[in-house]
Amino acid sequence: MKRLLLASLLLCLVPGVITAQTPGSLDPNETWVLPNRDRVNEGTVTIISAPVGGVTSILMSDLARVVDNDQVRVLQVIGKGPVQNVVDILDLKSIDMGAVVSDVPEFYKLQYRLPDIGSRLRYIAKLYDNEIHIVAPTSIKTVSDLADKKVMAPKDVGFYAAKSIFTRLNIKCTFDVQTDDTLALQKVVNGEADAWIVSTGKVMPIARNLKNEDGRLHLVSIPYDTRVQDIYFPSTFSSDEYPNLIPKGQKVETLAASTLLITYNWPEKSDRYRRVAKFIDAFFSKIRLTSSISRHAIPNGERRALLLRYRDGSVSKPLRIGSICTNARPRRSPLLTRKNSSSS
């Protein structure tokens, strides 16, 4: 069931269908030859993902397997989370790309006083949606009820979203950011804290498997608010997704952001730029693109979405990658094209 879910997630990178991978021409009856070292390095890229067991790390493993061919190889590096991934993409010499949630630039603006870290990054594709999960006693009806409460917001998987949302909604509370996600939730179960918040794709195993026979805990509603509309879009949880935390037949409002595949803003003629460009060609060759992409974050003005490199006969056109998105309002727009003339 989990593998089927992840396959569906991979198909939803953009609307389309991933084509079958052509097997290599290795003959088991012949002597095999080691590949050329320079060629292997030219086609190898690294993607930093997230802790083992989460949606991102498993999806990246599937992505690497789908994209792999004679020209491109993807190496996944297990990361700590989207905030640290930004640092690793910017500073680690061995990292080409990474998974970053679209509300992380807002967190860097608030917590690090860096107003435009997104200008140093480039957006390749949306991977999936990250929903904001808040688990608390049923006495906490909505996110506004967390004013003056103690909220467990694990640094790598929850605090960046909590900081952005609570700041925008002017909710003052006490955050515990040092405790990891599992122990943080246990503190809420034990009554040592008032709520637990994480940002992740649903369905989250830790929350789904939480024992809650007495119904004391539930998923807290986060009503959509115009104060967050440039970062988040509305989403819901259902009782089918979390039967232990939502009464049967009911839904709970929440917010969501986009998990994006991001790269550094490499100079156009650099070796790293060419390697990422080769990966993008392989990545999108596996997907049959449609004319319009829904539920992508649309940047304003010069913050354009990805314009794919395309080939017109034997002429190779340069890759152009849009800036990281900070406007998360869902609209419909032809973000990704493979036409015979470039867009702007």
C-alpha atoms as a PDB file:
ATOM      1  CA  MET A   1       0.000   0.000   0.000  1.00  0.00           C
ATOM      2  CA  LYS A   2       2.802   2.448   0.885  1.00  0.00           C
ATOM      3  CA  ARG A   3       4.604   1.781  -2.396  1.00  0.00           C
ATOM      4  CA  LEU A   4       1.359   2.311  -4.309  1.00  0.00           C
ATOM      5  CA  LEU A   5       0.882   5.630  -2.527  1.00  0.00           C
ATOM      6  CA  LEU A   6       4.415   6.726  -3.328  1.00  0.00           C
ATOM      7  CA  ALA A   7       3.982   5.739  -6.948  1.00  0.00           C
ATOM      8  CA  SER A   8       0.901   7.937  -7.047  1.00  0.00           C
ATOM      9  CA  LEU A   9       2.867  10.798  -5.471  1.00  0.00           C
ATOM     10  CA  LEU A  10       5.559  10.455  -8.099  1.00  0.00           C
ATOM     11  CA  LEU A  11       2.955  10.565 -10.844  1.00  0.00           C
ATOM     12  CA  CYS A  12       1.650  13.765  -9.277  1.00  0.00           C
ATOM     13  CA  LEU A  13       4.923  15.647  -9.584  1.00  0.00           C
ATOM     14  CA  VAL A  14       3.128  17.266 -12.459  1.00  0.00           C
ATOM     15  CA  PRO A  15      -0.055  15.987 -14.141  1.00  0.00           C
ATOM     16  CA  GLY A  16       1.115  13.352 -16.542  1.00  0.00           C
ATOM     17  CA  VAL A  17       2.374   9.803 -16.814  1.00  0.00           C
ATOM     18  CA  ILE A  18       5.877   8.526 -16.242  1.00  0.00           C
ATOM     19  CA  THR A  19       7.025   6.419 -19.150  1.00  0.00           C
ATOM     20  CA  ALA A  20       8.754   3.077 -18.781  1.00  0.00           C
ATOM     21  CA  GLN A  21      12.527   3.033 -18.490  1.00  0.00           C
ATOM     22  CA  THR A  22      14.464   1.384 -21.288  1.00  0.00           C
ATOM     23  CA  PRO A  23      16.730  -1.372 -19.955  1.00  0.00           C
ATOM     24  CA  GLY A  24      20.447  -1.247 -20.681  1.00  0.00           C
ATOM     25  CA  SER A  25      22.144  -3.319 -23.376  1.00  0.00           C
ATOM     26  CA  LEU A  26      24.263  -5.433 -21.018  1.00  0.00           C
ATOM     27  CA  ASP A  27      24.768  -8.975 -22.216  1.00  0.00           C
ATOM     28  CA  PRO A  28      25.152 -11.474 -19.338  1.00  0.00           C
ATOM     29  CA  ASN A  29      27.252 -13.691 -21.632  1.00  0.00           C
ATOM     30  CA  GLU A  30      29.818 -10.985 -22.423  1.00  0.00           C
ATOM     31  CA  THR A  31      32.594  -9.432 -20.333  1.00  0.00           C
ATOM     32  CA  TRP A  32      31.407  -6.173 -18.860  1.00  0.00           C
ATOM     33  CA  VAL A  33      33.554  -3.011 -18.940  1.00  0.00           C
ATOM     34  CA  LEU A  34      33.770  -0.392 -16.210  1.00  0.00           C
ATOM     35  CA  PRO A  35      32.279   2.947 -17.288  1.00  0.00           C
ATOM     36  CA  ASN A  36      34.443   5.940 -18.097  1.00  0.00           C
ATOM     37  CA  ARG A  37      35.129   7.921 -14.905  1.00  0.00           C
ATOM     38  CA  ASP A  38      34.734  11.358 -16.515  1.00  0.00           C
ATOM     39  CA  ARG A  39      31.466  10.385 -18.159  1.00  0.00           C
ATOM     40  CA  VAL A  40      30.066   9.023 -14.878  1.00  0.00           C
ATOM     41  CA  ASN A  41      30.911  12.245 -13.041  1.00  0.00           C
ATOM     42  CA  GLU A  42      29.497  14.431 -15.812  1.00  0.00           C
ATOM     43  CA  GLY A  43      26.101  12.770 -15.494  1.00  0.00           C
ATOM     44  CA  THR A  44      25.855  12.340 -11.713  1.00  0.00           C
ATOM     45  CA  VAL A  45      23.870  14.780  -9.578  1.00  0.00           C
ATOM     46  CA  THR A  46      23.031  14.809  -5.866  1.00  0.00           C
ATOM     47  CA  ILE A  47      19.666  15.619  -4.289  1.00  0.00           C
ATOM     48  CA  ILE A  48      19.340  16.196  -0.555  1.00  0.00           C
ATOM     49  CA  SER A  49      15.987  15.001   0.758  1.00  0.00           C
ATOM     50  CA  ALA A  50      14.717  14.528   4.315  1.00  0.00           C
ATOM     51  CA  PRO A  51      14.979  12.103   7.247  1.00  0.00           C
ATOM     52  CA  VAL A  52      14.586   8.398   6.468  1.00  0.00           C
ATOM     53  CA  GLY A  53      11.011   7.101   6.402  1.00  0.00           C
ATOM     54  CA  GLY A  54       9.287  10.319   5.377  1.00  0.00           C
ATOM     55  CA  VAL A  55       7.496  10.964   2.112  1.00  0.00           C
ATOM     56  CA  THR A  56      10.355  13.029   0.688  1.00  0.00           C
ATOM     57  CA  SER A  57      13.142  10.497   1.173  1.00  0.00           C
ATOM     58  CA  ILE A  58      11.127   7.610  -0.267  1.00  0.00           C
ATOM     59  CA  LEU A  59       9.860   9.709  -3.163  1.00  0.00           C
ATOM     60  CA  MET A  60      13.402  10.837  -4.022  1.00  0.00           C
ATOM     61  CA  SER A  61      14.516   7.221  -4.054  1.00  0.00           C
ATOM     62  CA  ASP A  62      11.741   6.424  -6.528  1.00  0.00           C
ATOM     63  CA  LEU A  63      12.603   9.509  -8.573  1.00  0.00           C
ATOM     64  CA  ALA A  64      16.247   8.458  -8.809  1.00  0.00           C
ATOM     65  CA  ARG A  65      15.245   5.042 -10.075  1.00  0.00           C
ATOM     66  CA  VAL A  66      12.896   6.492 -12.699  1.00  0.00           C
ATOM     67  CA  VAL A  67      15.373   9.084 -14.026  1.00  0.00           C
ATOM     68  CA  ASP A  68      18.439   6.799 -14.079  1.00  0.00           C
ATOM     69  CA  ASN A  69      19.807   6.093 -17.562  1.00  0.00           C
ATOM     70  CA  ASP A  70      23.149   5.857 -19.373  1.00  0.00           C
ATOM     71  CA  GLN A  71      23.583   9.638 -19.198  1.00  0.00           C
ATOM     72  CA  VAL A  72      22.210  10.593 -15.777  1.00  0.00           C
ATOM     73  CA  ARG A  73      22.511   9.129 -12.299  1.00  0.00           C
ATOM     74  CA  VAL A  74      20.886  10.590  -9.188  1.00  0.00           C
ATOM     75  CA  LEU A  75      22.421  10.133  -5.731  1.00  0.00           C
ATOM     76  CA  GLN A  76      20.112  10.856  -2.825  1.00  0.00           C
ATOM     77  CA  VAL A  77      21.587  12.391   0.326  1.00  0.00           C
ATOM     78  CA  ILE A  78      19.484  12.064   3.480  1.00  0.00           C
ATOM     79  CA  GLY A  79      18.924  15.529   4.939  1.00  0.00           C
ATOM     80  CA  LYS A  80      17.541  16.978   8.169  1.00  0.00           C
ATOM     81  CA  GLY A  81      14.651  18.947   6.701  1.00  0.00           C
ATOM     82  CA  PRO A  82      13.827  21.853   4.362  1.00  0.00           C
ATOM     83  CA  VAL A  83      15.416  24.640   6.437  1.00  0.00           C
ATOM     84  CA  GLN A  84      18.776  22.869   6.683  1.00  0.00           C
ATOM     85  CA  ASN A  85      18.455  21.822   3.037  1.00  0.00           C
ATOM     86  CA  VAL A  86      18.661  25.468   1.996  1.00  0.00           C
ATOM     87  CA  VAL A  87      21.980  25.830   3.843  1.00  0.00           C
ATOM     88  CA  ASP A  88      23.255  22.599   2.305  1.00  0.00           C
ATOM     89  CA  ILE A  89      22.251  23.633  -1.232  1.00  0.00           C
ATOM     90  CA  LEU A  90      23.954  26.998  -0.786  1.00  0.00           C
ATOM     91  CA  ASP A  91      27.129  25.862   0.980  1.00  0.00           C
ATOM     92  CA  LEU A  92      27.917  22.175   0.459  1.00  0.00           C
ATOM     93  CA  LYS A  93      30.072  21.571  -2.606  1.00  0.00           C
ATOM     94  CA  SER A  94      28.632  18.107  -3.115  1.00  0.00           C
ATOM     95  CA  ILE A  95      24.912  19.061  -3.219  1.00  0.00           C
ATOM     96  CA  ASP A  96      23.284  19.985  -6.549  1.00  0.00           C
ATOM     97  CA  MET A  97      19.574  20.065  -5.625  1.00  0.00           C
ATOM     98  CA  GLY A  98      17.243  19.542  -2.706  1.00  0.00           C
ATOM     99  CA  ALA A  99      13.671  19.422  -1.428  1.00  0.00           C
ATOM    100  CA  VAL A 100      12.537  22.739   0.087  1.00  0.00           C
ATOM    101  CA  VAL A 101       9.040  23.746   1.213  1.00  0.00           C
ATOM    102  CA  SER A 102       7.714  26.990  -0.276  1.00  0.00           C
ATOM    103  CA  ASP A 103       7.204  28.667   3.138  1.00  0.00           C
ATOM    104  CA  VAL A 104      10.882  28.301   4.104  1.00  0.00           C
ATOM    105  CA  PRO A 105      11.947  31.672   2.563  1.00  0.00           C
ATOM    106  CA  GLU A 106       9.412  33.342   4.878  1.00  0.00           C
ATOM    107  CA  PHE A 107      11.003  31.555   7.841  1.00  0.00           C
ATOM    108  CA  TYR A 108      14.458  32.773   6.836  1.00  0.00           C
ATOM    109  CA  LYS A 109      13.099  36.309   6.649  1.00  0.00           C
ATOM    110  CA  LEU A 110      11.586  36.078  10.137  1.00  0.00           C
ATOM    111  CA  GLN A 111      14.122  33.968  12.036  1.00  0.00           C
ATOM    112  CA  TYR A 112      17.417  34.821  10.303  1.00  0.00           C
ATOM    113  CA  ARG A 113      16.530  38.359   9.135  1.00  0.00           C
ATOM    114  CA  LEU A 114      17.429  37.374   5.561  1.00  0.00           C
ATOM    115  CA  PRO A 115      14.821  39.116   3.395  1.00  0.00           C
ATOM    116  CA  ASP A 116      15.387  37.387   0.059  1.00  0.00           C
ATOM    117  CA  ILE A 117      17.261  34.112   0.358  1.00  0.00           C
ATOM    118  CA  GLY A 118      15.099  32.782  -2.490  1.00  0.00           C
ATOM    119  CA  SER A 119      16.999  34.975  -4.952  1.00  0.00           C
ATOM    120  CA  ARG A 120      19.989  32.637  -4.553  1.00  0.00           C
ATOM    121  CA  LEU A 121      17.921  29.556  -5.406  1.00  0.00           C
ATOM    122  CA  ARG A 122      16.082  28.325  -8.461  1.00  0.00           C
ATOM    123  CA  TYR A 123      12.840  26.338  -8.644  1.00  0.00           C
ATOM    124  CA  ILE A 124      12.716  23.204 -10.813  1.00  0.00           C
ATOM    125  CA  ALA A 125       9.401  21.487 -10.053  1.00  0.00           C
ATOM    126  CA  LYS A 126       6.691  21.025  -7.487  1.00  0.00           C
ATOM    127  CA  LEU A 127       6.804  17.585  -5.864  1.00  0.00           C
ATOM    128  CA  TYR A 128       3.752  17.443  -3.587  1.00  0.00           C
ATOM    129  CA  ASP A 129       1.828  19.358  -0.915  1.00  0.00           C
ATOM    130  CA  ASN A 130       2.868  19.669   2.737  1.00  0.00           C
ATOM    131  CA  GLU A 131      -0.098  19.969   5.107  1.00  0.00           C
ATOM    132  CA  ILE A 132       0.174  21.629   8.508  1.00  0.00           C
ATOM    133  CA  HIS A 133      -0.683  19.095  11.225  1.00  0.00           C
ATOM    134  CA  ILE A 134      -1.567  20.334  14.721  1.00  0.00           C
ATOM    135  CA  VAL A 135      -2.473  17.692  17.318  1.00  0.00           C
ATOM    136  CA  ALA A 136      -3.912  18.936  20.620  1.00  0.00           C
ATOM    137  CA  PRO A 137      -6.611  18.167  23.200  1.00  0.00           C
ATOM    138  CA  THR A 138     -10.161  18.688  21.937  1.00  0.00           C
ATOM    139  CA  SER A 139     -10.438  21.780  24.146  1.00  0.00           C
ATOM    140  CA  ILE A 140      -8.218  23.486  21.535  1.00  0.00           C
ATOM    141  CA  LYS A 141     -10.724  24.102  18.756  1.00  0.00           C
ATOM    142  CA  THR A 142      -8.725  26.238  16.299  1.00  0.00           C
ATOM    143  CA  VAL A 143      -5.172  27.495  15.939  1.00  0.00           C
ATOM    144  CA  SER A 144      -6.197  30.778  17.610  1.00  0.00           C
ATOM    145  CA  ASP A 145      -6.811  28.880  20.866  1.00  0.00           C
ATOM    146  CA  LEU A 146      -3.064  28.241  21.125  1.00  0.00           C
ATOM    147  CA  ALA A 147      -2.380  31.794  22.283  1.00  0.00           C
ATOM    148  CA  ASP A 148      -0.262  31.694  25.476  1.00  0.00           C
ATOM    149  CA  LYS A 149       0.068  27.887  25.211  1.00  0.00           C
ATOM    150  CA  LYS A 150       3.146  25.642  25.019  1.00  0.00           C
ATOM    151  CA  VAL A 151       3.522  24.308  21.481  1.00  0.00           C
ATOM    152  CA  MET A 152       5.919  21.526  20.474  1.00  0.00           C
ATOM    153  CA  ALA A 153       7.358  22.604  17.112  1.00  0.00           C
ATOM    154  CA  PRO A 154      10.301  20.348  16.154  1.00  0.00           C
ATOM    155  CA  LYS A 155      13.036  22.457  14.574  1.00  0.00           C
ATOM    156  CA  ASP A 156      13.468  20.490  11.354  1.00  0.00           C
ATOM    157  CA  VAL A 157       9.872  19.521  10.585  1.00  0.00           C
ATOM    158  CA  GLY A 158       7.556  22.000  12.270  1.00  0.00           C
ATOM    159  CA  PHE A 159       8.987  25.239  13.592  1.00  0.00           C
ATOM    160  CA  TYR A 160       9.525  26.895  10.202  1.00  0.00           C
ATOM    161  CA  ALA A 161       5.795  26.599   9.397  1.00  0.00           C
ATOM    162  CA  ALA A 162       4.682  27.450  12.937  1.00  0.00           C
ATOM    163  CA  LYS A 163       6.822  30.596  12.964  1.00  0.00           C
ATOM    164  CA  SER A 164       5.360  31.814   9.673  1.00  0.00           C
ATOM    165  CA  ILE A 165       1.727  31.046  10.515  1.00  0.00           C
ATOM    166  CA  PHE A 166       1.713  32.240  14.113  1.00  0.00           C
ATOM    167  CA  THR A 167       3.515  35.451  13.174  1.00  0.00           C
ATOM    168  CA  ARG A 168       1.066  36.239  10.393  1.00  0.00           C
ATOM    169  CA  LEU A 169      -1.932  35.464  12.615  1.00  0.00           C
ATOM    170  CA  ASN A 170      -0.413  37.338  15.579  1.00  0.00           C
ATOM    171  CA  ILE A 171      -0.642  34.337  17.902  1.00  0.00           C
ATOM    172  CA  LYS A 172       1.795  34.519  20.816  1.00  0.00           C
ATOM    173  CA  CYS A 173       2.837  31.236  22.393  1.00  0.00           C
ATOM    174  CA  THR A 174       5.853  29.377  23.782  1.00  0.00           C
ATOM    175  CA  PHE A 175       7.624  27.101  21.311  1.00  0.00           C
ATOM    176  CA  ASP A 176       9.716  24.052  22.193  1.00  0.00           C
ATOM    177  CA  VAL A 177      11.911  23.502  19.106  1.00  0.00           C
ATOM    178  CA  GLN A 178      14.597  21.170  20.529  1.00  0.00           C
ATOM    179  CA  THR A 179      12.572  17.976  21.038  1.00  0.00           C
ATOM    180  CA  ASP A 180      12.321  15.616  18.067  1.00  0.00           C
ATOM    181  CA  ASP A 181       8.941  14.948  16.456  1.00  0.00           C
ATOM    182  CA  THR A 182       8.105  11.634  18.154  1.00  0.00           C
ATOM    183  CA  LEU A 183       9.086  12.695  21.675  1.00  0.00           C
ATOM    184  CA  ALA A 184       7.409  16.058  21.125  1.00  0.00           C
ATOM    185  CA  LEU A 185       4.094  14.364  20.364  1.00  0.00           C
ATOM    186  CA  GLN A 186       4.508  12.148  23.419  1.00  0.00           C
ATOM    187  CA  LYS A 187       4.740  15.271  25.582  1.00  0.00           C
ATOM    188  CA  VAL A 188       1.312  16.338  24.323  1.00  0.00           C
ATOM    189  CA  VAL A 189      -0.048  12.855  25.052  1.00  0.00           C
ATOM    190  CA  ASN A 190       1.411  13.062  28.557  1.00  0.00           C
ATOM    191  CA  GLY A 191      -0.088  16.493  29.171  1.00  0.00           C
ATOM    192  CA  GLU A 192       3.329  18.191  29.354  1.00  0.00           C
ATOM    193  CA  ALA A 193       2.536  20.445  26.372  1.00  0.00           C
ATOM    194  CA  ASP A 194      -0.592  21.859  24.764  1.00  0.00           C
ATOM    195  CA  ALA A 195      -0.040  21.093  21.074  1.00  0.00           C
ATOM    196  CA  TRP A 196       2.268  19.514  18.498  1.00  0.00           C
ATOM    197  CA  ILE A 197       2.794  20.997  15.029  1.00  0.00           C
ATOM    198  CA  VAL A 198       4.576  19.573  11.991  1.00  0.00           C
ATOM    199  CA  SER A 199       4.513  20.241   8.257  1.00  0.00           C
ATOM    200  CA  THR A 200       4.460  17.100   6.114  1.00  0.00           C
ATOM    201  CA  GLY A 201       2.566  15.340   3.379  1.00  0.00           C
ATOM    202  CA  LYS A 202      -0.495  13.450   4.511  1.00  0.00           C
ATOM    203  CA  VAL A 203      -0.971  10.757   5.654  1.00  0.00           C
ATOM    204  CA  MET A 204       1.704  11.070   8.344  1.00  0.00           C
ATOM    205  CA  PRO A 205       2.406   7.701  10.054  1.00  0.00           C
ATOM    206  CA  ILE A 206       3.224   9.189  13.489  1.00  0.00           C
ATOM    207  CA  ALA A 207      -0.123  10.971  13.634  1.00  0.00           C
ATOM    208  CA  ARG A 208      -2.107   8.174  11.964  1.00  0.00           C
ATOM    209  CA  ASN A 209      -0.757   5.542  14.374  1.00  0.00           C
ATOM    210  CA  LEU A 210      -1.269   7.606  17.520  1.00  0.00           C
ATOM    211  CA  LYS A 211      -3.347   5.692  20.056  1.00  0.00           C
ATOM    212  CA  ASN A 212      -6.317   7.856  20.978  1.00  0.00           C
ATOM    213  CA  GLU A 213      -9.025   5.462  22.184  1.00  0.00           C
ATOM    214  CA  ASP A 214     -10.494   7.978  24.610  1.00  0.00           C
ATOM    215  CA  GLY A 215     -10.766  10.635  21.889  1.00  0.00           C
ATOM    216  CA  ARG A 216      -8.952  13.190  24.058  1.00  0.00           C
ATOM    217  CA  LEU A 217      -6.803  14.426  21.164  1.00  0.00           C
ATOM    218  CA  HIS A 218      -7.698  15.650  17.686  1.00  0.00           C
ATOM    219  CA  LEU A 219      -6.365  17.541  14.673  1.00  0.00           C
ATOM    220  CA  VAL A 220      -6.827  21.265  15.231  1.00  0.00           C
ATOM    221  CA  SER A 221      -8.545  23.386  12.602  1.00  0.00           C
ATOM    222  CA  ILE A 222      -6.558  26.124  10.835  1.00  0.00           C
ATOM    223  CA  PRO A 223      -9.174  28.219   9.001  1.00  0.00           C
ATOM    224  CA  TYR A 224      -7.938  29.898   5.831  1.00  0.00           C
ATOM    225  CA  ASP A 225      -7.031  33.538   6.388  1.00  0.00           C
ATOM    226  CA  THR A 226      -6.120  36.294   3.940  1.00  0.00           C
ATOM    227  CA  ARG A 227      -3.086  37.105   6.088  1.00  0.00           C
ATOM    228  CA  VAL A 228      -1.390  33.896   4.920  1.00  0.00           C
ATOM    229  CA  GLN A 229      -2.684  33.674   1.365  1.00  0.00           C
ATOM    230  CA  ASP A 230       0.628  34.649  -0.248  1.00  0.00           C
ATOM    231  CA  ILE A 231       2.342  31.660   1.399  1.00  0.00           C
ATOM    232  CA  TYR A 232      -0.289  28.948   1.970  1.00  0.00           C
ATOM    233  CA  PHE A 233      -3.362  27.547   0.298  1.00  0.00           C
ATOM    234  CA  PRO A 234      -6.346  25.816   1.945  1.00  0.00           C
ATOM    235  CA  SER A 235      -6.459  22.070   2.443  1.00  0.00           C
ATOM    236  CA  THR A 236      -8.344  19.551   4.590  1.00  0.00           C
ATOM    237  CA  PHE A 237      -7.910  16.354   6.560  1.00  0.00           C
ATOM    238  CA  SER A 238     -10.613  13.672   6.489  1.00  0.00           C
ATOM    239  CA  SER A 239     -11.670  10.957   8.905  1.00  0.00           C
ATOM    240  CA  ASP A 240     -10.555   8.390   6.313  1.00  0.00           C
ATOM    241  CA  GLU A 241      -7.023   9.788   6.504  1.00  0.00           C
ATOM    242  CA  TYR A 242      -6.908  10.118  10.303  1.00  0.00           C
ATOM    243  CA  PRO A 243      -9.711   7.986  11.803  1.00  0.00           C
ATOM    244  CA  ASN A 244      -8.032   8.177  15.224  1.00  0.00           C
ATOM    245  CA  LEU A 245      -8.078  11.987  15.301  1.00  0.00           C
ATOM    246  CA  ILE A 246     -11.189  13.017  13.341  1.00  0.00           C
ATOM    247  CA  PRO A 247     -14.768  11.818  13.981  1.00  0.00           C
ATOM    248  CA  LYS A 248     -16.164   9.630  11.212  1.00  0.00           C
ATOM    249  CA  GLY A 249     -17.500  11.551   8.232  1.00  0.00           C
ATOM    250  CA  GLN A 250     -15.966  14.875   9.284  1.00  0.00           C
ATOM    251  CA  LYS A 251     -13.210  17.043   7.828  1.00  0.00           C
ATOM    252  CA  VAL A 252     -10.761  19.477   9.415  1.00  0.00           C
ATOM    253  CA  GLU A 253      -9.515  22.663   7.749  1.00  0.00           C
ATOM    254  CA  THR A 254      -5.780  23.194   7.469  1.00  0.00           C
ATOM    255  CA  LEU A 255      -3.142  25.022   5.437  1.00  0.00           C
ATOM    256  CA  ALA A 256      -0.696  23.590   2.942  1.00  0.00           C
ATOM    257  CA  ALA A 257       2.501  24.662   1.206  1.00  0.00           C
ATOM    258  CA  SER A 258       4.347  23.137  -1.743  1.00  0.00           C
ATOM    259  CA  THR A 259       7.386  20.897  -1.481  1.00  0.00           C
ATOM    260  CA  LEU A 260       9.650  22.000  -4.322  1.00  0.00           C
ATOM    261  CA  LEU A 261      12.738  20.625  -6.025  1.00  0.00           C
ATOM    262  CA  ILE A 262      15.300  23.437  -5.745  1.00  0.00           C
ATOM    263  CA  THR A 263      18.798  24.077  -7.057  1.00  0.00           C
ATOM    264  CA  TYR A 264      21.427  26.735  -6.511  1.00  0.00           C
ATOM    265  CA  ASN A 265      21.496  29.651  -8.952  1.00  0.00           C
ATOM    266  CA  TRP A 266      24.477  28.283 -10.877  1.00  0.00           C
ATOM    267  CA  PRO A 267      26.158  30.461 -13.545  1.00  0.00           C
ATOM    268  CA  GLU A 268      24.757  29.421 -16.910  1.00  0.00           C
ATOM    269  CA  LYS A 269      28.001  28.099 -18.418  1.00  0.00           C
ATOM    270  CA  SER A 270      29.258  26.325 -15.307  1.00  0.00           C
ATOM    271  CA  ASP A 271      29.739  22.580 -15.009  1.00  0.00           C
ATOM    272  CA  ARG A 272      27.139  22.367 -12.200  1.00  0.00           C
ATOM    273  CA  TYR A 273      24.603  24.203 -14.353  1.00  0.00           C
ATOM    274  CA  ARG A 274      25.153  21.755 -17.231  1.00  0.00           C
ATOM    275  CA  ARG A 275      24.759  18.761 -14.922  1.00  0.00           C
ATOM    276  CA  VAL A 276      21.474  20.057 -13.479  1.00  0.00           C
ATOM    277  CA  ALA A 277      20.298  20.814 -17.027  1.00  0.00           C
ATOM    278  CA  LYS A 278      21.057  17.233 -18.053  1.00  0.00           C
ATOM    279  CA  PHE A 279      19.071  15.957 -15.065  1.00  0.00           C
ATOM    280  CA  ILE A 280      16.097  18.175 -15.977  1.00  0.00           C
ATOM    281  CA  ASP A 281      16.105  16.834 -19.533  1.00  0.00           C
ATOM    282  CA  ALA A 282      16.047  13.266 -18.200  1.00  0.00           C
ATOM    283  CA  PHE A 283      13.469  14.108 -15.526  1.00  0.00           C
ATOM    284  CA  PHE A 284      10.933  15.655 -17.871  1.00  0.00           C
ATOM    285  CA  SER A 285      11.541  13.123 -20.642  1.00  0.00           C
ATOM    286  CA  LYS A 286       9.890  10.635 -18.279  1.00  0.00           C
ATOM    287  CA  ILE A 287       6.756  12.706 -17.958  1.00  0.00           C
ATOM    288  CA  ARG A 288       4.112  13.409 -20.596  1.00  0.00           C
ATOM    289  CA  LEU A 289       3.389  17.071 -19.906  1.00  0.00           C
ATOM    290  CA  THR A 290      -0.074  18.580 -20.249  1.00  0.00           C
ATOM    291  CA  SER A 291      -0.743  22.118 -21.447  1.00  0.00           C
ATOM    292  CA  SER A 292      -1.553  23.531 -18.004  1.00  0.00           C
ATOM    293  CA  ILE A 293      -0.433  22.765 -14.492  1.00  0.00           C
ATOM    294  CA  SER A 294      -2.810  23.200 -11.578  1.00  0.00           C
ATOM    295  CA  ARG A 295      -2.122  23.905  -7.896  1.00  0.00           C
ATOM    296  CA  HIS A 296       1.360  25.288  -8.488  1.00  0.00           C
ATOM    297  CA  ALA A 297       2.516  28.413  -6.739  1.00  0.00           C
ATOM    298  CA  ILE A 298       2.615  31.234  -9.288  1.00  0.00           C
ATOM    299  CA  PRO A 299       5.322  33.860  -8.692  1.00  0.00           C
ATOM    300  CA  ASN A 300       4.622  37.504  -9.460  1.00  0.00           C
ATOM    301  CA  GLY A 301       6.493  39.608 -11.999  1.00  0.00           C
ATOM    302  CA  GLU A 302      10.021  38.383 -12.605  1.00  0.00           C
ATOM    303  CA  ARG A 303       9.469  35.401 -10.287  1.00  0.00           C
ATOM    304  CA  ARG A 304       8.616  33.111 -13.143  1.00  0.00           C
ATOM    305  CA  ALA A 305       8.179  29.377 -12.918  1.00  0.00           C
ATOM    306  CA  LEU A 306      10.410  26.896 -14.672  1.00  0.00           C
ATOM    307  CA  LEU A 307      10.910  27.275 -18.413  1.00  0.00           C
ATOM    308  CA  LEU A 308      12.239  23.967 -19.664  1.00  0.00           C
ATOM    309  CA  ARG A 309      15.204  23.686 -21.935  1.00  0.00           C
ATOM    310  CA  TYR A 310      13.998  22.378 -25.272  1.00  0.00           C
ATOM    311  CA  ARG A 311      15.582  21.078 -28.419  1.00  0.00           C
ATOM    312  CA  ASP A 312      14.719  22.424 -31.842  1.00  0.00           C
ATOM    313  CA  GLY A 313      16.209  19.958 -34.269  1.00  0.00           C
ATOM    314  CA  SER A 314      19.930  19.731 -33.524  1.00  0.00           C
ATOM    315  CA  VAL A 315      20.085  23.106 -31.796  1.00  0.00           C
ATOM    316  CA  SER A 316      20.241  22.939 -27.998  1.00  0.00           C
ATOM    317  CA  LYS A 317      18.545  25.867 -26.263  1.00  0.00           C
ATOM    318  CA  PRO A 318      19.778  27.076 -22.839  1.00  0.00           C
ATOM    319  CA  LEU A 319      18.084  26.018 -19.639  1.00  0.00           C
ATOM    320  CA  ARG A 320      16.207  28.728 -17.768  1.00  0.00           C
ATOM    321  CA  ILE A 321      14.942  28.101 -14.273  1.00  0.00           C
ATOM    322  CA  GLY A 322      12.515  30.341 -12.402  1.00  0.00           C
ATOM    323  CA  SER A 323      13.118  31.842  -8.976  1.00  0.00           C
ATOM    324  CA  ILE A 324      11.859  29.998  -5.906  1.00  0.00           C
ATOM    325  CA  CYS A 325       8.157  30.651  -5.390  1.00  0.00           C
ATOM    326  CA  THR A 326       6.923  32.699  -2.472  1.00  0.00           C
ATOM    327  CA  ASN A 327       3.338  33.298  -3.651  1.00  0.00           C
ATOM    328  CA  ALA A 328       1.422  30.101  -2.908  1.00  0.00           C
ATOM    329  CA  ARG A 329      -2.059  31.038  -4.097  1.00  0.00           C
ATOM    330  CA  PRO A 330      -3.349  28.174  -6.265  1.00  0.00           C
ATOM    331  CA  ARG A 331      -4.218  29.087  -9.835  1.00  0.00           C
ATOM    332  CA  ARG A 332      -4.138  27.413 -13.222  1.00  0.00           C
ATOM    333  CA  SER A 333      -1.358  28.378 -15.571  1.00  0.00           C
ATOM    334  CA  PRO A 334       0.852  26.793 -18.263  1.00  0.00           C
ATOM    335  CA  LEU A 335       3.936  26.697 -16.069  1.00  0.00           C
ATOM    336  CA  LEU A 336       5.781  23.967 -17.887  1.00  0.00           C
ATOM    337  CA  THR A 337       6.002  23.818 -21.665  1.00  0.00           C
ATOM    338  CA  ARG A 338       7.959  21.958 -24.285  1.00  0.00           C
ATOM    339  CA  LYS A 339       7.031  24.125 -27.228  1.00  0.00           C
ATOM    340  CA  ASN A 340       9.309  24.960 -30.127  1.00  0.00           C
ATOM    341  CA  SER A 341       9.693  28.557 -29.005  1.00  0.00           C
ATOM    342  CA  SER A 342      10.664  29.899 -25.593  1.00  0.00           C
ATOM    343  CA  SER A 343       8.212  31.627 -23.251  1.00  0.00           C
ATOM    344  CA  SER A 344       8.795  34.550 -20.958  1.00  0.00           C
END
